[in-house]
Protein backbone atom coordinates (compact mmCIF):
# COMPACT_ATOMS: atom_id res chain seq x y z
CA MET A 1 96.32 43.84 38.71
CA LYS A 2 93.16 44.27 36.59
CA LYS A 3 91.39 45.89 39.55
CA ILE A 4 94.28 48.32 40.03
CA PHE A 5 94.31 49.15 36.31
CA LEU A 6 90.53 49.72 36.33
CA ALA A 7 90.78 51.98 39.37
CA LEU A 8 93.47 54.03 37.69
CA MET A 9 91.38 54.35 34.54
CA ILE A 10 88.35 55.52 36.55
CA THR A 11 90.49 58.04 38.44
CA ALA A 12 91.94 59.34 35.18
CA PHE A 13 88.48 59.65 33.68
CA PHE A 14 87.17 61.80 36.52
CA PHE A 15 90.35 63.88 36.55
CA MET A 16 90.05 64.58 32.83
CA SER A 17 86.35 65.35 33.23
CA GLY A 18 87.22 67.98 35.82
CA VAL A 19 89.86 69.52 33.56
CA ALA A 20 87.43 69.61 30.66
CA SER A 21 84.81 71.40 32.76
CA VAL A 22 87.24 74.23 33.57
CA ASP A 23 87.67 75.02 29.90
CA ALA A 24 84.08 74.26 28.91
CA ALA A 25 83.25 77.87 28.08
CA ASP A 26 83.29 78.93 24.43
CA PHE A 27 85.74 81.50 23.10
CA VAL A 28 84.75 84.03 20.46
CA GLU A 29 87.69 85.87 18.90
CA ARG A 30 87.02 89.48 17.91
CA ARG A 31 89.94 90.69 15.82
CA ASP A 32 87.97 93.74 14.75
CA PHE A 33 88.40 95.20 18.23
CA GLU A 34 91.92 96.15 17.15
CA LYS A 35 90.40 99.38 15.80
CA TYR A 36 89.80 100.53 19.37
CA ALA A 37 93.39 99.96 20.47
CA SER A 38 95.23 101.73 17.67
CA GLY A 39 98.75 102.61 18.78
CA PHE A 40 98.75 100.08 21.61
CA THR A 41 99.60 96.43 22.14
CA GLY A 42 96.96 94.86 24.28
CA THR A 43 94.08 92.52 24.93
CA PHE A 44 90.43 92.61 25.96
CA ILE A 45 88.60 89.64 27.43
CA LEU A 46 85.00 89.40 28.63
CA TYR A 47 83.08 86.55 30.26
CA ASP A 48 79.30 86.37 29.73
CA GLU A 49 77.93 84.54 32.78
CA VAL A 50 74.60 83.48 31.28
CA GLN A 51 76.04 82.33 27.96
CA ASP A 52 79.15 80.81 29.64
CA GLN A 53 81.14 82.40 26.84
CA TYR A 54 84.33 84.45 26.50
CA THR A 55 84.73 87.22 23.97
CA VAL A 56 88.39 88.06 23.45
CA PHE A 57 90.63 90.28 21.40
CA ASN A 58 94.22 88.98 21.18
CA GLN A 59 93.70 85.70 22.98
CA VAL A 60 97.44 84.96 23.28
CA GLN A 61 98.06 88.28 25.04
CA SER A 62 95.14 87.63 27.40
CA THR A 63 97.19 84.87 29.07
CA VAL A 64 100.38 86.95 29.46
CA ARG A 65 101.07 88.02 33.03
CA LEU A 66 101.82 91.68 33.73
CA SER A 67 102.04 93.86 36.82
CA PRO A 68 98.49 94.52 38.11
CA CYS A 69 99.36 98.07 39.20
CA SER A 70 96.40 99.70 40.95
CA THR A 71 93.89 97.02 39.95
CA PHE A 72 95.35 95.14 42.94
CA LYS A 73 93.62 97.68 45.18
CA ILE A 74 90.47 95.54 44.84
CA TYR A 75 92.13 92.67 46.69
CA ASN A 76 94.26 94.83 48.96
CA SER A 77 90.97 96.33 50.17
CA LEU A 78 89.32 92.94 50.65
CA ILE A 79 92.29 91.56 52.57
CA GLY A 80 92.33 94.68 54.74
CA LEU A 81 88.66 94.18 55.57
CA GLU A 82 89.00 90.45 56.23
CA THR A 83 91.97 90.88 58.56
CA GLY A 84 90.27 93.64 60.53
CA VAL A 85 92.81 96.26 59.53
CA LEU A 86 89.91 98.14 57.93
CA ASP A 87 86.40 98.70 59.27
CA MET A 88 83.27 98.30 57.18
CA GLU A 89 82.21 101.84 58.12
CA ASP A 90 84.18 104.12 55.81
CA VAL A 91 84.63 106.84 58.41
CA TYR A 92 86.70 104.38 60.47
CA THR A 93 89.08 103.60 57.60
CA LEU A 94 90.73 107.01 57.84
CA PHE A 95 94.51 107.09 57.43
CA PRO A 96 96.19 110.47 58.12
CA TRP A 97 98.20 112.05 55.32
CA ASN A 98 101.94 111.90 56.01
CA GLY A 99 102.51 115.46 54.79
CA LYS A 100 104.50 114.46 51.73
CA GLN A 101 103.61 116.48 48.64
CA TYR A 102 102.50 114.31 45.71
CA SER A 103 102.02 115.34 42.09
CA PHE A 104 98.31 114.42 42.35
CA PRO A 105 96.64 117.11 44.55
CA SER A 106 93.87 114.72 45.64
CA TRP A 107 96.50 112.57 47.40
CA ASN A 108 97.62 115.42 49.65
CA ARG A 109 95.04 114.96 52.40
CA ASP A 110 93.74 112.38 54.85
CA GLN A 111 92.07 109.45 53.11
CA THR A 112 89.42 106.82 53.77
CA LEU A 113 89.14 103.57 51.84
CA ALA A 114 86.46 105.06 49.60
CA SER A 115 88.38 108.23 48.72
CA ALA A 116 91.67 106.37 48.31
CA THR A 117 90.02 103.89 45.93
CA ARG A 118 88.31 106.64 43.93
CA ASP A 119 91.51 108.66 43.50
CA SER A 120 93.82 105.62 43.39
CA VAL A 121 95.94 106.94 46.26
CA VAL A 122 99.07 104.80 46.27
CA TRP A 123 100.37 105.88 49.69
CA TYR A 124 97.11 104.80 51.37
CA PHE A 125 97.32 101.28 49.99
CA GLN A 126 101.02 101.07 50.82
CA GLU A 127 100.14 101.88 54.42
CA LEU A 128 97.32 99.33 54.28
CA ALA A 129 99.69 96.62 53.02
CA SER A 130 102.14 97.46 55.81
CA ARG A 131 99.41 97.05 58.43
CA ILE A 132 98.25 93.76 56.90
CA GLY A 133 101.81 92.43 57.05
CA GLU A 134 103.79 90.11 54.82
CA GLN A 135 102.57 86.83 56.30
CA ARG A 136 98.86 87.57 56.05
CA MET A 137 99.25 89.15 52.61
CA GLN A 138 101.02 86.06 51.29
CA GLU A 139 98.46 83.73 52.87
CA TYR A 140 95.58 85.48 51.12
CA LEU A 141 97.31 85.64 47.73
CA ASP A 142 97.93 81.90 48.01
CA LYS A 143 94.31 81.23 49.03
CA ILE A 144 92.83 83.13 46.10
CA GLU A 145 95.58 82.03 43.67
CA TYR A 146 96.32 85.57 42.56
CA GLY A 147 98.53 85.41 39.47
CA ASN A 148 102.07 84.36 40.33
CA ARG A 149 101.49 85.21 44.07
CA ASP A 150 104.95 86.78 44.27
CA ILE A 151 105.32 89.57 46.85
CA SER A 152 109.13 89.41 46.96
CA GLY A 153 109.34 92.88 45.40
CA GLY A 154 108.58 94.46 48.78
CA LEU A 155 105.45 94.69 50.92
CA THR A 156 104.65 98.25 49.77
CA THR A 157 105.67 97.88 46.14
CA PHE A 158 105.14 94.30 44.94
CA TRP A 159 102.08 95.23 42.82
CA LEU A 160 103.67 98.37 41.31
CA ARG A 161 105.64 97.22 38.26
CA SER A 162 107.46 94.75 40.51
CA SER A 163 107.26 91.04 41.38
CA LEU A 164 103.49 90.39 41.38
CA GLN A 165 102.03 89.59 37.95
CA ILE A 166 98.65 88.47 36.63
CA SER A 167 97.05 87.96 33.21
CA ALA A 168 93.86 89.53 31.90
CA ARG A 169 92.17 86.14 31.84
CA GLU A 170 93.18 85.51 35.45
CA GLN A 171 91.74 88.91 36.39
CA VAL A 172 88.40 87.92 34.86
CA GLU A 173 88.43 84.50 36.53
CA LEU A 174 89.10 86.07 39.94
CA LEU A 175 86.20 88.49 39.53
CA ARG A 176 83.92 85.65 38.48
CA LYS A 177 84.89 83.67 41.58
CA LEU A 178 84.49 86.74 43.78
CA TYR A 179 80.90 87.26 42.63
CA ALA A 180 80.17 83.54 42.92
CA GLY A 181 81.29 83.49 46.56
CA GLU A 182 84.19 81.15 45.79
CA LEU A 183 86.86 83.34 47.40
CA PRO A 184 87.50 83.62 51.18
CA PHE A 185 85.85 87.03 51.61
CA LEU A 186 82.64 87.84 53.47
CA PRO A 187 79.72 89.03 51.31
CA GLU A 188 79.47 92.28 53.30
CA HIS A 189 83.15 93.03 52.62
CA ILE A 190 82.68 92.34 48.93
CA GLU A 191 79.76 94.80 48.91
CA VAL A 192 81.97 97.51 50.44
CA VAL A 193 84.56 97.09 47.70
CA LYS A 194 81.94 96.90 44.96
CA ARG A 195 80.46 100.17 46.16
CA ASN A 196 83.90 101.79 46.11
CA ILE A 197 84.66 100.72 42.53
CA THR A 198 81.24 101.60 41.07
CA VAL A 199 81.82 103.81 38.04
CA SER A 200 78.17 104.37 37.10
CA ASP A 201 74.76 103.04 38.12
CA ASN A 202 71.51 103.87 36.36
CA LYS A 203 69.53 101.10 38.13
CA GLU A 204 69.37 98.98 34.97
CA ILE A 205 73.09 98.91 34.18
CA ARG A 206 75.82 99.11 36.83
CA LEU A 207 79.44 99.47 35.71
CA LEU A 208 82.11 98.59 38.26
CA GLY A 209 85.82 98.73 37.60
CA LYS A 210 89.30 99.68 38.73
CA THR A 211 92.01 101.23 36.62
CA GLY A 212 95.73 100.65 36.92
CA SER A 213 98.63 102.53 35.33
CA GLY A 214 102.28 101.55 35.03
CA PHE A 215 104.74 104.44 35.13
CA GLU A 216 108.46 104.04 34.48
CA ASP A 217 111.25 106.44 33.50
CA GLY A 218 108.79 109.30 33.14
CA LYS A 219 106.49 107.40 30.78
CA TRP A 220 103.14 105.63 31.08
CA GLU A 221 103.82 102.19 29.65
CA LEU A 222 100.94 100.03 30.92
CA GLY A 223 97.23 100.59 31.42
CA TRP A 224 94.58 98.31 32.97
CA PHE A 225 90.84 98.42 33.52
CA VAL A 226 89.12 95.42 35.11
CA GLY A 227 85.58 95.05 36.35
CA CYS A 228 82.02 93.95 35.80
CA VAL A 229 78.81 95.11 34.18
CA GLU A 230 75.74 94.12 36.19
CA LYS A 231 72.35 93.91 34.50
CA PRO A 232 69.09 92.50 35.87
CA GLU A 233 69.43 89.43 33.66
CA ASN A 234 73.18 88.92 33.42
CA ARG A 235 76.70 89.79 34.57
CA TYR A 236 79.73 90.41 32.38
CA PHE A 237 83.28 90.28 33.78
CA PHE A 238 86.03 91.94 31.77
CA ALA A 239 89.67 92.95 31.75
CA ILE A 240 91.74 95.01 29.36
CA ASN A 241 95.41 95.88 29.35
CA ILE A 242 97.30 98.09 26.90
CA GLN A 243 101.02 98.74 26.47
CA ALA A 244 103.00 101.42 24.62
CA PRO A 245 106.28 103.34 24.92
CA ASP A 246 104.15 106.14 26.42
CA GLY A 247 100.50 107.08 26.81
CA ALA A 248 99.27 103.70 28.06
CA THR A 249 97.25 104.61 31.14
CA GLY A 250 94.39 103.14 33.09
CA GLY A 251 92.20 106.02 31.95
CA LYS A 252 92.86 105.17 28.31
CA ALA A 253 92.23 101.48 28.97
CA ARG A 254 88.89 102.38 30.57
CA GLU A 255 87.96 104.51 27.56
CA ILE A 256 88.72 101.63 25.17
CA ALA A 257 86.89 99.09 27.33
CA LYS A 258 83.76 101.24 27.44
CA ALA A 259 83.83 101.61 23.64
CA ILE A 260 84.04 97.84 23.24
CA LEU A 261 81.26 97.24 25.79
CA ARG A 262 79.05 99.63 23.83
CA ASP A 263 79.96 97.79 20.62
CA LEU A 264 78.82 94.55 22.28
CA GLU A 265 75.60 96.32 23.36
CA ILE A 266 76.40 95.63 27.02
CA LEU A 267 76.61 99.32 27.95
C-alpha cells in the first residue's frame, strides 16, 4: 500500500510540475492601453519570446472565445497546403471567379492564395474549405487544438460568426507553437503563409498579421488582428479583438494594435 501511495504521489508531482510549466510565463497588465480602444470593448495580448512574458490589456477578455472571422484564413491556408489541395507555387493555387458580383471589387476576379489572403476574399476560402472536406478539416482542427474545434456551423461558414470560436490568448499560443514547429505543418508551408500575411518588412522589423471582421445585420460588430513581429533578436506574438455595436473592423483592430506595438517600442 505504501508503494502504491508513493507512486501516486510521484505521478501527481510530475503532473503538477507540467501544469506549472505551462503557466510559467509572467503576465504584465497594461490598463493604460484602454486609451487606444476608446469606444470599443476588447483586449490586446502579446507574448515576448525572449522574456517569456505576456503583456495584456483586459486579461479576462483575452480568454473569452469569439468567432475568428478571417483570421482563420491562416490555418485554412495551412491545411489546404498540407492536404495537397493547394500547391506551394502561387500560380497553381488559382481558383476561377464564379461570376457573382461582390461589394468588394477586388473579389470580382480569379484569385490565387496570395491575392485572396491579401484582399481577404471570402469566396476563395469557402471554396478551399469545400475542397479540403469536412473530415480532413475536423482532423486538423483537433490536431492543433484550435479553440472549440466546432465546425458544425457548416463547412463554408463555420469561422464566419458561426460555430467556431477562439480566444485572443489561444490565438497567440497557436502562433507561438506554429513558429516553434509544434504544429503538424511543414516548414515550407508555414513560409508560404508567412509571406502571404506579411504587412511590412524593412529587414530589421517584419510585421506579419491577418485581420478579421465580423459583420451582422448591416453592422461591423467584431474586429481582429493577430500576428507576429519578427526582429533579429526576438519575436513577439500578439492578438487583439474589439467589439462595438458598429465600427469594429479588422482594419481598426490593426490600427490599434500598431499603436500599442509602437508604445511598447516593438515597432
